[in-house]
Amino acid sequence: MNTKDEKLVCGLDETQIAGLKKKHGHIVVVEVGQGGSTLNAIFKEPTFEVLEATGAIGKNSEIKGTIALYENCIVKADDEINNRDFVKLKALEGLAQHMNSFSVSVKNL
C-alpha cells in the first residue's frame, strides 16, 4: 500500500475531506476499534434543530432518537459501520465524547 492510500479516511483523500468541511462546517472523525481493526466515521456537529428533534423522538424511543441523531449527523462512514447497528452506536458515542470535550469558564464582571 502506498503512503497516499494510507491517508484515506472512509475512502476519502485530503481534498475530498476539505470539500466536506466546506460543505458541512466543523466535522470530526470517530475511530471505532475492535480486535485490532479500526473503523472510521465522519460526523458533522448537530444543530439545535437536530438536537431538539432527536430529543423529542428520544422521549418516546431512546433507540429511535439515537438512530435519528446518527442519520442527521453522519457524513461518511466505512461500510463495516453502515452494516452493523451496534458499531453505529459506538461511533455515535464518539460524537457524544466530542460534544462533551469542550470546557467553559465563568467570571463575574
PDB file of N, CA and C in Angstrom:
ATOM      1  N   MET A   1       0.851  -1.177   0.000  1.00  0.00           N
ATOM      2  CA  MET A   1       0.000   0.000   0.000  1.00  0.00           C
ATOM      3  C   MET A   1       0.895   1.239   0.000  1.00  0.00           C
ATOM      4  N   ASN A   2       0.627   2.202  -0.858  1.00  0.00           N
ATOM      5  CA  ASN A   2       1.462   3.396  -0.869  1.00  0.00           C
ATOM      6  C   ASN A   2       0.999   4.386   0.198  1.00  0.00           C
ATOM      7  N   THR A   3       1.829   5.405   0.450  1.00  0.00           N
ATOM      8  CA  THR A   3       1.525   6.339   1.539  1.00  0.00           C
ATOM      9  C   THR A   3       0.280   7.165   1.257  1.00  0.00           C
ATOM     10  N   LYS A   4      -0.019   7.420   0.010  1.00  0.00           N
ATOM     11  CA  LYS A   4      -1.224   8.180  -0.309  1.00  0.00           C
ATOM     12  C   LYS A   4      -2.472   7.410   0.127  1.00  0.00           C
ATOM     13  N   ASP A   5      -2.517   6.105  -0.125  1.00  0.00           N
ATOM     14  CA  ASP A   5      -3.649   5.285   0.286  1.00  0.00           C
ATOM     15  C   ASP A   5      -3.797   5.249   1.801  1.00  0.00           C
ATOM     16  N   GLU A   6      -2.679   5.287   2.518  1.00  0.00           N
ATOM     17  CA  GLU A   6      -2.722   5.204   3.971  1.00  0.00           C
ATOM     18  C   GLU A   6      -3.396   6.419   4.601  1.00  0.00           C
ATOM     19  N   LYS A   7      -3.460   7.539   3.892  1.00  0.00           N
ATOM     20  CA  LYS A   7      -4.061   8.748   4.433  1.00  0.00           C
ATOM     21  C   LYS A   7      -5.563   8.822   4.186  1.00  0.00           C
ATOM     22  N   LEU A   8      -6.123   7.834   3.533  1.00  0.00           N
ATOM     23  CA  LEU A   8      -7.554   7.832   3.270  1.00  0.00           C
ATOM     24  C   LEU A   8      -8.330   7.630   4.566  1.00  0.00           C
ATOM     25  N   VAL A   9      -9.394   8.395   4.736  1.00  0.00           N
ATOM     26  CA  VAL A   9     -10.308   8.236   5.864  1.00  0.00           C
ATOM     27  C   VAL A   9     -11.686   8.005   5.260  1.00  0.00           C
ATOM     28  N   CYS A  10     -12.283   6.870   5.558  1.00  0.00           N
ATOM     29  CA  CYS A  10     -13.578   6.495   4.973  1.00  0.00           C
ATOM     30  C   CYS A  10     -13.509   6.499   3.448  1.00  0.00           C
ATOM     31  N   GLY A  11     -12.345   6.168   2.906  1.00  0.00           N
ATOM     32  CA  GLY A  11     -12.165   6.141   1.464  1.00  0.00           C
ATOM     33  C   GLY A  11     -11.972   7.505   0.830  1.00  0.00           C
ATOM     34  N   LEU A  12     -11.836   8.545   1.647  1.00  0.00           N
ATOM     35  CA  LEU A  12     -11.701   9.910   1.143  1.00  0.00           C
ATOM     36  C   LEU A  12     -10.282  10.419   1.334  1.00  0.00           C
ATOM     37  N   ASP A  13      -9.781  11.173   0.343  1.00  0.00           N
ATOM     38  CA  ASP A  13      -8.464  11.778   0.493  1.00  0.00           C
ATOM     39  C   ASP A  13      -8.606  13.173   1.112  1.00  0.00           C
ATOM     40  N   GLU A  14      -7.481  13.839   1.328  1.00  0.00           N
ATOM     41  CA  GLU A  14      -7.486  15.141   1.998  1.00  0.00           C
ATOM     42  C   GLU A  14      -8.304  16.186   1.240  1.00  0.00           C
ATOM     43  N   THR A  15      -8.251  16.163  -0.083  1.00  0.00           N
ATOM     44  CA  THR A  15      -9.013  17.123  -0.890  1.00  0.00           C
ATOM     45  C   THR A  15     -10.513  16.906  -0.716  1.00  0.00           C
ATOM     46  N   GLN A  16     -10.937  15.655  -0.725  1.00  0.00           N
ATOM     47  CA  GLN A  16     -12.359  15.351  -0.539  1.00  0.00           C
ATOM     48  C   GLN A  16     -12.819  15.725   0.871  1.00  0.00           C
ATOM     49  N   ILE A  17     -11.974  15.491   1.860  1.00  0.00           N
ATOM     50  CA  ILE A  17     -12.315  15.862   3.236  1.00  0.00           C
ATOM     51  C   ILE A  17     -12.422  17.376   3.361  1.00  0.00           C
ATOM     52  N   ALA A  18     -11.533  18.109   2.695  1.00  0.00           N
ATOM     53  CA  ALA A  18     -11.614  19.573   2.698  1.00  0.00           C
ATOM     54  C   ALA A  18     -12.942  20.031   2.094  1.00  0.00           C
ATOM     55  N   GLY A  19     -13.402  19.347   1.054  1.00  0.00           N
ATOM     56  CA  GLY A  19     -14.701  19.661   0.459  1.00  0.00           C
ATOM     57  C   GLY A  19     -15.844  19.425   1.428  1.00  0.00           C
ATOM     58  N   LEU A  20     -15.746  18.349   2.221  1.00  0.00           N
ATOM     59  CA  LEU A  20     -16.778  18.079   3.230  1.00  0.00           C
ATOM     60  C   LEU A  20     -16.783  19.156   4.307  1.00  0.00           C
ATOM     61  N   LYS A  21     -15.593  19.621   4.695  1.00  0.00           N
ATOM     62  CA  LYS A  21     -15.506  20.693   5.697  1.00  0.00           C
ATOM     63  C   LYS A  21     -16.167  21.962   5.174  1.00  0.00           C
ATOM     64  N   LYS A  22     -15.932  22.250   3.903  1.00  0.00           N
ATOM     65  CA  LYS A  22     -16.533  23.444   3.298  1.00  0.00           C
ATOM     66  C   LYS A  22     -18.054  23.314   3.258  1.00  0.00           C
ATOM     67  N   LYS A  23     -18.546  22.130   2.961  1.00  0.00           N
ATOM     68  CA  LYS A  23     -19.988  21.896   2.845  1.00  0.00           C
ATOM     69  C   LYS A  23     -20.682  21.850   4.201  1.00  0.00           C
ATOM     70  N   HIS A  24     -20.067  21.153   5.185  1.00  0.00           N
ATOM     71  CA  HIS A  24     -20.744  20.879   6.456  1.00  0.00           C
ATOM     72  C   HIS A  24     -20.233  21.702   7.634  1.00  0.00           C
ATOM     73  N   GLY A  25     -19.166  22.466   7.454  1.00  0.00           N
ATOM     74  CA  GLY A  25     -18.571  23.169   8.586  1.00  0.00           C
ATOM     75  C   GLY A  25     -17.672  22.223   9.361  1.00  0.00           C
ATOM     76  N   HIS A  26     -17.637  22.384  10.674  1.00  0.00           N
ATOM     77  CA  HIS A  26     -16.747  21.564  11.503  1.00  0.00           C
ATOM     78  C   HIS A  26     -17.190  20.103  11.455  1.00  0.00           C
ATOM     79  N   ILE A  27     -16.245  19.232  11.132  1.00  0.00           N
ATOM     80  CA  ILE A  27     -16.513  17.791  11.129  1.00  0.00           C
ATOM     81  C   ILE A  27     -15.456  17.097  11.984  1.00  0.00           C
ATOM     82  N   VAL A  28     -15.813  15.932  12.496  1.00  0.00           N
ATOM     83  CA  VAL A  28     -14.879  15.138  13.294  1.00  0.00           C
ATOM     84  C   VAL A  28     -14.865  13.714  12.765  1.00  0.00           C
ATOM     85  N   VAL A  29     -13.731  13.067  12.934  1.00  0.00           N
ATOM     86  CA  VAL A  29     -13.644  11.646  12.598  1.00  0.00           C
ATOM     87  C   VAL A  29     -13.616  10.866  13.905  1.00  0.00           C
ATOM     88  N   VAL A  30     -14.433   9.843  13.966  1.00  0.00           N
ATOM     89  CA  VAL A  30     -14.503   8.957  15.127  1.00  0.00           C
ATOM     90  C   VAL A  30     -13.928   7.616  14.705  1.00  0.00           C
ATOM     91  N   GLU A  31     -13.023   7.100  15.515  1.00  0.00           N
ATOM     92  CA  GLU A  31     -12.442   5.782  15.264  1.00  0.00           C
ATOM     93  C   GLU A  31     -13.060   4.778  16.219  1.00  0.00           C
ATOM     94  N   VAL A  32     -13.546   3.685  15.676  1.00  0.00           N
ATOM     95  CA  VAL A  32     -14.093   2.594  16.479  1.00  0.00           C
ATOM     96  C   VAL A  32     -13.167   1.401  16.277  1.00  0.00           C
ATOM     97  N   GLY A  33     -12.602   0.920  17.365  1.00  0.00           N
ATOM     98  CA  GLY A  33     -11.667  -0.191  17.270  1.00  0.00           C
ATOM     99  C   GLY A  33     -12.209  -1.439  17.932  1.00  0.00           C
ATOM    100  N   GLN A  34     -11.894  -2.567  17.329  1.00  0.00           N
ATOM    101  CA  GLN A  34     -12.245  -3.856  17.920  1.00  0.00           C
ATOM    102  C   GLN A  34     -11.334  -4.916  17.329  1.00  0.00           C
ATOM    103  N   GLY A  35     -10.734  -5.704  18.197  1.00  0.00           N
ATOM    104  CA  GLY A  35      -9.934  -6.834  17.742  1.00  0.00           C
ATOM    105  C   GLY A  35      -8.821  -6.479  16.781  1.00  0.00           C
ATOM    106  N   GLY A  36      -8.194  -5.339  16.967  1.00  0.00           N
ATOM    107  CA  GLY A  36      -7.080  -4.953  16.113  1.00  0.00           C
ATOM    108  C   GLY A  36      -7.463  -4.219  14.847  1.00  0.00           C
ATOM    109  N   SER A  37      -8.744  -4.106  14.543  1.00  0.00           N
ATOM    110  CA  SER A  37      -9.156  -3.341  13.361  1.00  0.00           C
ATOM    111  C   SER A  37      -9.786  -2.024  13.806  1.00  0.00           C
ATOM    112  N   THR A  38      -9.628  -1.013  12.967  1.00  0.00           N
ATOM    113  CA  THR A  38     -10.168   0.308  13.261  1.00  0.00           C
ATOM    114  C   THR A  38     -11.080   0.738  12.129  1.00  0.00           C
ATOM    115  N   LEU A  39     -12.269   1.184  12.491  1.00  0.00           N
ATOM    116  CA  LEU A  39     -13.241   1.698  11.525  1.00  0.00           C
ATOM    117  C   LEU A  39     -13.425   3.184  11.777  1.00  0.00           C
ATOM    118  N   ASN A  40     -13.738   3.929  10.717  1.00  0.00           N
ATOM    119  CA  ASN A  40     -13.888   5.375  10.825  1.00  0.00           C
ATOM    120  C   ASN A  40     -15.271   5.836  10.404  1.00  0.00           C
ATOM    121  N   ALA A  41     -15.715   6.887  11.078  1.00  0.00           N
ATOM    122  CA  ALA A  41     -16.957   7.567  10.707  1.00  0.00           C
ATOM    123  C   ALA A  41     -16.713   9.062  10.822  1.00  0.00           C
ATOM    124  N   ILE A  42     -17.192   9.811   9.857  1.00  0.00           N
ATOM    125  CA  ILE A  42     -17.063  11.266   9.868  1.00  0.00           C
ATOM    126  C   ILE A  42     -18.438  11.848  10.177  1.00  0.00           C
ATOM    127  N   PHE A  43     -18.481  12.713  11.188  1.00  0.00           N
ATOM    128  CA  PHE A  43     -19.724  13.338  11.617  1.00  0.00           C
ATOM    129  C   PHE A  43     -19.628  14.853  11.524  1.00  0.00           C
ATOM    130  N   LYS A  44     -20.764  15.488  11.263  1.00  0.00           N
ATOM    131  CA  LYS A  44     -20.874  16.935  11.429  1.00  0.00           C
ATOM    132  C   LYS A  44     -21.529  17.173  12.785  1.00  0.00           C
ATOM    133  N   GLU A  45     -21.313  18.362  13.333  1.00  0.00           N
ATOM    134  CA  GLU A  45     -21.915  18.675  14.620  1.00  0.00           C
ATOM    135  C   GLU A  45     -23.419  18.882  14.444  1.00  0.00           C
ATOM    136  N   PRO A  46     -24.213  18.423  15.402  1.00  0.00           N
ATOM    137  CA  PRO A  46     -25.662  18.615  15.290  1.00  0.00           C
ATOM    138  C   PRO A  46     -26.048  20.073  15.509  1.00  0.00           C
ATOM    139  N   THR A  47     -27.087  20.492  14.827  1.00  0.00           N
ATOM    140  CA  THR A  47     -27.636  21.834  15.035  1.00  0.00           C
ATOM    141  C   THR A  47     -28.627  21.784  16.199  1.00  0.00           C
ATOM    142  N   PHE A  48     -29.056  22.960  16.662  1.00  0.00           N
ATOM    143  CA  PHE A  48     -30.081  22.997  17.704  1.00  0.00           C
ATOM    144  C   PHE A  48     -31.345  22.285  17.240  1.00  0.00           C
ATOM    145  N   GLU A  49     -31.709  22.473  15.958  1.00  0.00           N
ATOM    146  CA  GLU A  49     -32.919  21.833  15.436  1.00  0.00           C
ATOM    147  C   GLU A  49     -32.810  20.315  15.481  1.00  0.00           C
ATOM    148  N   VAL A  50     -31.645  19.800  15.121  1.00  0.00           N
ATOM    149  CA  VAL A  50     -31.438  18.348  15.159  1.00  0.00           C
ATOM    150  C   VAL A  50     -31.492  17.852  16.595  1.00  0.00           C
ATOM    151  N   LEU A  51     -30.838  18.563  17.510  1.00  0.00           N
ATOM    152  CA  LEU A  51     -30.856  18.156  18.918  1.00  0.00           C
ATOM    153  C   LEU A  51     -32.271  18.178  19.484  1.00  0.00           C
ATOM    154  N   GLU A  52     -33.040  19.209  19.129  1.00  0.00           N
ATOM    155  CA  GLU A  52     -34.414  19.298  19.615  1.00  0.00           C
ATOM    156  C   GLU A  52     -35.268  18.159  19.056  1.00  0.00           C
ATOM    157  N   ALA A  53     -35.161  17.923  17.762  1.00  0.00           N
ATOM    158  CA  ALA A  53     -35.975  16.879  17.124  1.00  0.00           C
ATOM    159  C   ALA A  53     -35.602  15.489  17.635  1.00  0.00           C
ATOM    160  N   THR A  54     -34.317  15.201  17.712  1.00  0.00           N
ATOM    161  CA  THR A  54     -33.909  13.874  18.164  1.00  0.00           C
ATOM    162  C   THR A  54     -34.194  13.683  19.648  1.00  0.00           C
ATOM    163  N   GLY A  55     -34.137  14.774  20.418  1.00  0.00           N
ATOM    164  CA  GLY A  55     -34.507  14.691  21.833  1.00  0.00           C
ATOM    165  C   GLY A  55     -35.979  14.367  21.998  1.00  0.00           C
ATOM    166  N   ALA A  56     -36.818  14.987  21.159  1.00  0.00           N
ATOM    167  CA  ALA A  56     -38.259  14.718  21.216  1.00  0.00           C
ATOM    168  C   ALA A  56     -38.551  13.270  20.816  1.00  0.00           C
ATOM    169  N   ILE A  57     -37.890  12.802  19.779  1.00  0.00           N
ATOM    170  CA  ILE A  57     -38.068  11.409  19.354  1.00  0.00           C
ATOM    171  C   ILE A  57     -37.597  10.475  20.460  1.00  0.00           C
ATOM    172  N   GLY A  58     -36.484  10.832  21.088  1.00  0.00           N
ATOM    173  CA  GLY A  58     -35.903  10.002  22.132  1.00  0.00           C
ATOM    174  C   GLY A  58     -36.760   9.864  23.372  1.00  0.00           C
ATOM    175  N   LYS A  59     -37.684  10.803  23.590  1.00  0.00           N
ATOM    176  CA  LYS A  59     -38.581  10.692  24.747  1.00  0.00           C
ATOM    177  C   LYS A  59     -39.505   9.487  24.616  1.00  0.00           C
ATOM    178  N   ASN A  60     -39.887   9.164  23.392  1.00  0.00           N
ATOM    179  CA  ASN A  60     -40.752   8.007  23.141  1.00  0.00           C
ATOM    180  C   ASN A  60     -39.959   6.728  22.914  1.00  0.00           C
ATOM    181  N   SER A  61     -38.807   6.850  22.265  1.00  0.00           N
ATOM    182  CA  SER A  61     -37.977   5.677  21.979  1.00  0.00           C
ATOM    183  C   SER A  61     -36.520   6.123  21.930  1.00  0.00           C
ATOM    184  N   GLU A  62     -35.770   5.742  22.942  1.00  0.00           N
ATOM    185  CA  GLU A  62     -34.368   6.153  23.014  1.00  0.00           C
ATOM    186  C   GLU A  62     -33.577   5.675  21.801  1.00  0.00           C
ATOM    187  N   ILE A  63     -33.842   4.467  21.359  1.00  0.00           N
ATOM    188  CA  ILE A  63     -33.130   3.932  20.192  1.00  0.00           C
ATOM    189  C   ILE A  63     -33.478   4.724  18.935  1.00  0.00           C
ATOM    190  N   LYS A  64     -34.759   5.033  18.730  1.00  0.00           N
ATOM    191  CA  LYS A  64     -35.149   5.810  17.543  1.00  0.00           C
ATOM    192  C   LYS A  64     -34.530   7.201  17.577  1.00  0.00           C
ATOM    193  N   GLY A  65     -34.444   7.806  18.761  1.00  0.00           N
ATOM    194  CA  GLY A  65     -33.790   9.106  18.890  1.00  0.00           C
ATOM    195  C   GLY A  65     -32.315   9.018  18.539  1.00  0.00           C
ATOM    196  N   THR A  66     -31.676   7.950  18.974  1.00  0.00           N
ATOM    197  CA  THR A  66     -30.261   7.733  18.679  1.00  0.00           C
ATOM    198  C   THR A  66     -30.049   7.517  17.186  1.00  0.00           C
ATOM    199  N   ILE A  67     -30.907   6.716  16.578  1.00  0.00           N
ATOM    200  CA  ILE A  67     -30.817   6.476  15.131  1.00  0.00           C
ATOM    201  C   ILE A  67     -30.998   7.785  14.366  1.00  0.00           C
ATOM    202  N   ALA A  68     -31.962   8.597  14.785  1.00  0.00           N
ATOM    203  CA  ALA A  68     -32.204   9.879  14.119  1.00  0.00           C
ATOM    204  C   ALA A  68     -30.992  10.799  14.246  1.00  0.00           C
ATOM    205  N   LEU A  69     -30.360  10.810  15.417  1.00  0.00           N
ATOM    206  CA  LEU A  69     -29.166  11.637  15.603  1.00  0.00           C
ATOM    207  C   LEU A  69     -28.042  11.149  14.688  1.00  0.00           C
ATOM    208  N   TYR A  70     -27.850   9.841  14.627  1.00  0.00           N
ATOM    209  CA  TYR A  70     -26.828   9.275  13.740  1.00  0.00           C
ATOM    210  C   TYR A  70     -27.101   9.683  12.292  1.00  0.00           C
ATOM    211  N   GLU A  71     -28.325   9.470  11.837  1.00  0.00           N
ATOM    212  CA  GLU A  71     -28.665   9.738  10.437  1.00  0.00           C
ATOM    213  C   GLU A  71     -28.553  11.216  10.079  1.00  0.00           C
ATOM    214  N   ASN A  72     -28.775  12.099  11.046  1.00  0.00           N
ATOM    215  CA  ASN A  72     -28.684  13.531  10.780  1.00  0.00           C
ATOM    216  C   ASN A  72     -27.259  14.069  10.854  1.00  0.00           C
ATOM    217  N   CYS A  73     -26.363  13.367  11.535  1.00  0.00           N
ATOM    218  CA  CYS A  73     -25.004  13.875  11.726  1.00  0.00           C
ATOM    219  C   CYS A  73     -23.941  13.133  10.926  1.00  0.00           C
ATOM    220  N   ILE A  74     -24.229  11.925  10.469  1.00  0.00           N
ATOM    221  CA  ILE A  74     -23.217  11.166   9.738  1.00  0.00           C
ATOM    222  C   ILE A  74     -22.974  11.817   8.380  1.00  0.00           C
ATOM    223  N   VAL A  75     -21.715  11.949   8.033  1.00  0.00           N
ATOM    224  CA  VAL A  75     -21.331  12.489   6.736  1.00  0.00           C
ATOM    225  C   VAL A  75     -20.827  11.351   5.849  1.00  0.00           C
ATOM    226  N   LYS A  76     -19.976  10.494   6.423  1.00  0.00           N
ATOM    227  CA  LYS A  76     -19.413   9.362   5.677  1.00  0.00           C
ATOM    228  C   LYS A  76     -18.908   8.355   6.697  1.00  0.00           C
ATOM    229  N   ALA A  77     -19.102   7.089   6.415  1.00  0.00           N
ATOM    230  CA  ALA A  77     -18.621   6.033   7.310  1.00  0.00           C
ATOM    231  C   ALA A  77     -18.107   4.858   6.495  1.00  0.00           C
ATOM    232  N   ASP A  78     -17.184   4.121   7.085  1.00  0.00           N
ATOM    233  CA  ASP A  78     -16.736   2.875   6.468  1.00  0.00           C
ATOM    234  C   ASP A  78     -17.932   1.936   6.330  1.00  0.00           C
ATOM    235  N   ASP A  79     -17.949   1.130   5.279  1.00  0.00           N
ATOM    236  CA  ASP A  79     -19.064   0.220   5.028  1.00  0.00           C
ATOM    237  C   ASP A  79     -19.351  -0.697   6.209  1.00  0.00           C
ATOM    238  N   GLU A  80     -18.307  -1.127   6.910  1.00  0.00           N
ATOM    239  CA  GLU A  80     -18.497  -2.028   8.046  1.00  0.00           C
ATOM    240  C   GLU A  80     -19.333  -1.377   9.145  1.00  0.00           C
ATOM    241  N   ILE A  81     -19.232  -0.053   9.273  1.00  0.00           N
ATOM    242  CA  ILE A  81     -20.057   0.662  10.258  1.00  0.00           C
ATOM    243  C   ILE A  81     -21.495   0.716   9.766  1.00  0.00           C
ATOM    244  N   ASN A  82     -21.670   1.047   8.503  1.00  0.00           N
ATOM    245  CA  ASN A  82     -23.022   1.156   7.944  1.00  0.00           C
ATOM    246  C   ASN A  82     -23.802  -0.146   8.024  1.00  0.00           C
ATOM    247  N   ASN A  83     -23.102  -1.269   8.056  1.00  0.00           N
ATOM    248  CA  ASN A  83     -23.759  -2.575   8.053  1.00  0.00           C
ATOM    249  C   ASN A  83     -23.954  -3.180   9.436  1.00  0.00           C
ATOM    250  N   ARG A  84     -23.521  -2.489  10.498  1.00  0.00           N
ATOM    251  CA  ARG A  84     -23.614  -3.046  11.855  1.00  0.00           C
ATOM    252  C   ARG A  84     -24.187  -1.999  12.805  1.00  0.00           C
ATOM    253  N   ASP A  85     -25.396  -2.232  13.276  1.00  0.00           N
ATOM    254  CA  ASP A  85     -26.073  -1.263  14.133  1.00  0.00           C
ATOM    255  C   ASP A  85     -25.307  -0.970  15.416  1.00  0.00           C
ATOM    256  N   PHE A  86     -24.751  -1.978  16.068  1.00  0.00           N
ATOM    257  CA  PHE A  86     -24.041  -1.747  17.320  1.00  0.00           C
ATOM    258  C   PHE A  86     -22.811  -0.875  17.097  1.00  0.00           C
ATOM    259  N   VAL A  87     -22.132  -1.058  15.973  1.00  0.00           N
ATOM    260  CA  VAL A  87     -20.957  -0.238  15.672  1.00  0.00           C
ATOM    261  C   VAL A  87     -21.390   1.198  15.390  1.00  0.00           C
ATOM    262  N   LYS A  88     -22.556   1.386  14.784  1.00  0.00           N
ATOM    263  CA  LYS A  88     -23.099   2.740  14.613  1.00  0.00           C
ATOM    264  C   LYS A  88     -23.269   3.412  15.969  1.00  0.00           C
ATOM    265  N   LEU A  89     -23.809   2.666  16.933  1.00  0.00           N
ATOM    266  CA  LEU A  89     -23.990   3.222  18.279  1.00  0.00           C
ATOM    267  C   LEU A  89     -22.656   3.615  18.894  1.00  0.00           C
ATOM    268  N   LYS A  90     -21.643   2.783  18.723  1.00  0.00           N
ATOM    269  CA  LYS A  90     -20.321   3.098  19.268  1.00  0.00           C
ATOM    270  C   LYS A  90     -19.729   4.320  18.577  1.00  0.00           C
ATOM    271  N   ALA A  91     -19.941   4.454  17.272  1.00  0.00           N
ATOM    272  CA  ALA A  91     -19.450   5.627  16.551  1.00  0.00           C
ATOM    273  C   ALA A  91     -20.139   6.886  17.064  1.00  0.00           C
ATOM    274  N   LEU A  92     -21.435   6.794  17.295  1.00  0.00           N
ATOM    275  CA  LEU A  92     -22.175   7.940  17.816  1.00  0.00           C
ATOM    276  C   LEU A  92     -21.710   8.296  19.226  1.00  0.00           C
ATOM    277  N   GLU A  93     -21.294   7.302  19.980  1.00  0.00           N
ATOM    278  CA  GLU A  93     -20.720   7.551  21.303  1.00  0.00           C
ATOM    279  C   GLU A  93     -19.487   8.457  21.182  1.00  0.00           C
ATOM    280  N   GLY A  94     -18.720   8.265  20.121  1.00  0.00           N
ATOM    281  CA  GLY A  94     -17.568   9.128  19.861  1.00  0.00           C
ATOM    282  C   GLY A  94     -17.985  10.560  19.588  1.00  0.00           C
ATOM    283  N   LEU A  95     -19.079  10.757  18.857  1.00  0.00           N
ATOM    284  CA  LEU A  95     -19.584  12.110  18.623  1.00  0.00           C
ATOM    285  C   LEU A  95     -20.006  12.742  19.943  1.00  0.00           C
ATOM    286  N   ALA A  96     -20.632  11.960  20.812  1.00  0.00           N
ATOM    287  CA  ALA A  96     -21.024  12.469  22.129  1.00  0.00           C
ATOM    288  C   ALA A  96     -19.790  12.879  22.928  1.00  0.00           C
ATOM    289  N   GLN A  97     -18.714  12.114  22.826  1.00  0.00           N
ATOM    290  CA  GLN A  97     -17.471  12.485  23.507  1.00  0.00           C
ATOM    291  C   GLN A  97     -16.955  13.812  22.984  1.00  0.00           C
ATOM    292  N   HIS A  98     -17.064  14.026  21.682  1.00  0.00           N
ATOM    293  CA  HIS A  98     -16.654  15.310  21.104  1.00  0.00           C
ATOM    294  C   HIS A  98     -17.500  16.441  21.681  1.00  0.00           C
ATOM    295  N   MET A  99     -18.803  16.227  21.760  1.00  0.00           N
ATOM    296  CA  MET A  99     -19.695  17.269  22.271  1.00  0.00           C
ATOM    297  C   MET A  99     -19.385  17.583  23.733  1.00  0.00           C
ATOM    298  N   ASN A 100     -18.904  16.600  24.488  1.00  0.00           N
ATOM    299  CA  ASN A 100     -18.576  16.796  25.899  1.00  0.00           C
ATOM    300  C   ASN A 100     -17.132  17.226  26.117  1.00  0.00           C
ATOM    301  N   SER A 101     -16.361  17.397  25.059  1.00  0.00           N
ATOM    302  CA  SER A 101     -14.941  17.716  25.199  1.00  0.00           C
ATOM    303  C   SER A 101     -14.669  19.201  25.389  1.00  0.00           C
ATOM    304  N   PHE A 102     -15.682  20.021  25.248  1.00  0.00           N
ATOM    305  CA  PHE A 102     -15.497  21.456  25.403  1.00  0.00           C
ATOM    306  C   PHE A 102     -15.455  21.816  26.883  1.00  0.00           C
ATOM    307  N   SER A 103     -14.652  22.805  27.216  1.00  0.00           N
ATOM    308  CA  SER A 103     -14.642  23.300  28.587  1.00  0.00           C
ATOM    309  C   SER A 103     -15.095  24.755  28.568  1.00  0.00           C
ATOM    310  N   VAL A 104     -15.710  25.169  29.638  1.00  0.00           N
ATOM    311  CA  VAL A 104     -16.180  26.548  29.751  1.00  0.00           C
ATOM    312  C   VAL A 104     -15.737  27.099  31.099  1.00  0.00           C
ATOM    313  N   SER A 105     -15.660  28.410  31.175  1.00  0.00           N
ATOM    314  CA  SER A 105     -15.383  29.057  32.450  1.00  0.00           C
ATOM    315  C   SER A 105     -16.266  30.289  32.554  1.00  0.00           C
ATOM    316  N   VAL A 106     -16.541  30.673  33.775  1.00  0.00           N
ATOM    317  CA  VAL A 106     -17.414  31.816  34.033  1.00  0.00           C
ATOM    318  C   VAL A 106     -16.701  32.753  34.992  1.00  0.00           C
ATOM    319  N   LYS A 107     -16.764  34.046  34.700  1.00  0.00           N
ATOM    320  CA  LYS A 107     -16.173  35.054  35.579  1.00  0.00           C
ATOM    321  C   LYS A 107     -17.179  36.173  35.775  1.00  0.00           C
ATOM    322  N   ASN A 108     -17.240  36.677  36.974  1.00  0.00           N
ATOM    323  CA  ASN A 108     -18.064  37.853  37.231  1.00  0.00           C
ATOM    324  C   ASN A 108     -17.377  39.071  36.635  1.00  0.00           C
ATOM    325  N   LEU A 109     -18.149  39.963  36.081  1.00  0.00           N
ATOM    326  CA  LEU A 109     -17.593  41.200  35.521  1.00  0.00           C
ATOM    327  C   LEU A 109     -17.848  42.362  36.446  1.00  0.00           C
TER     328      LEU A 109
END
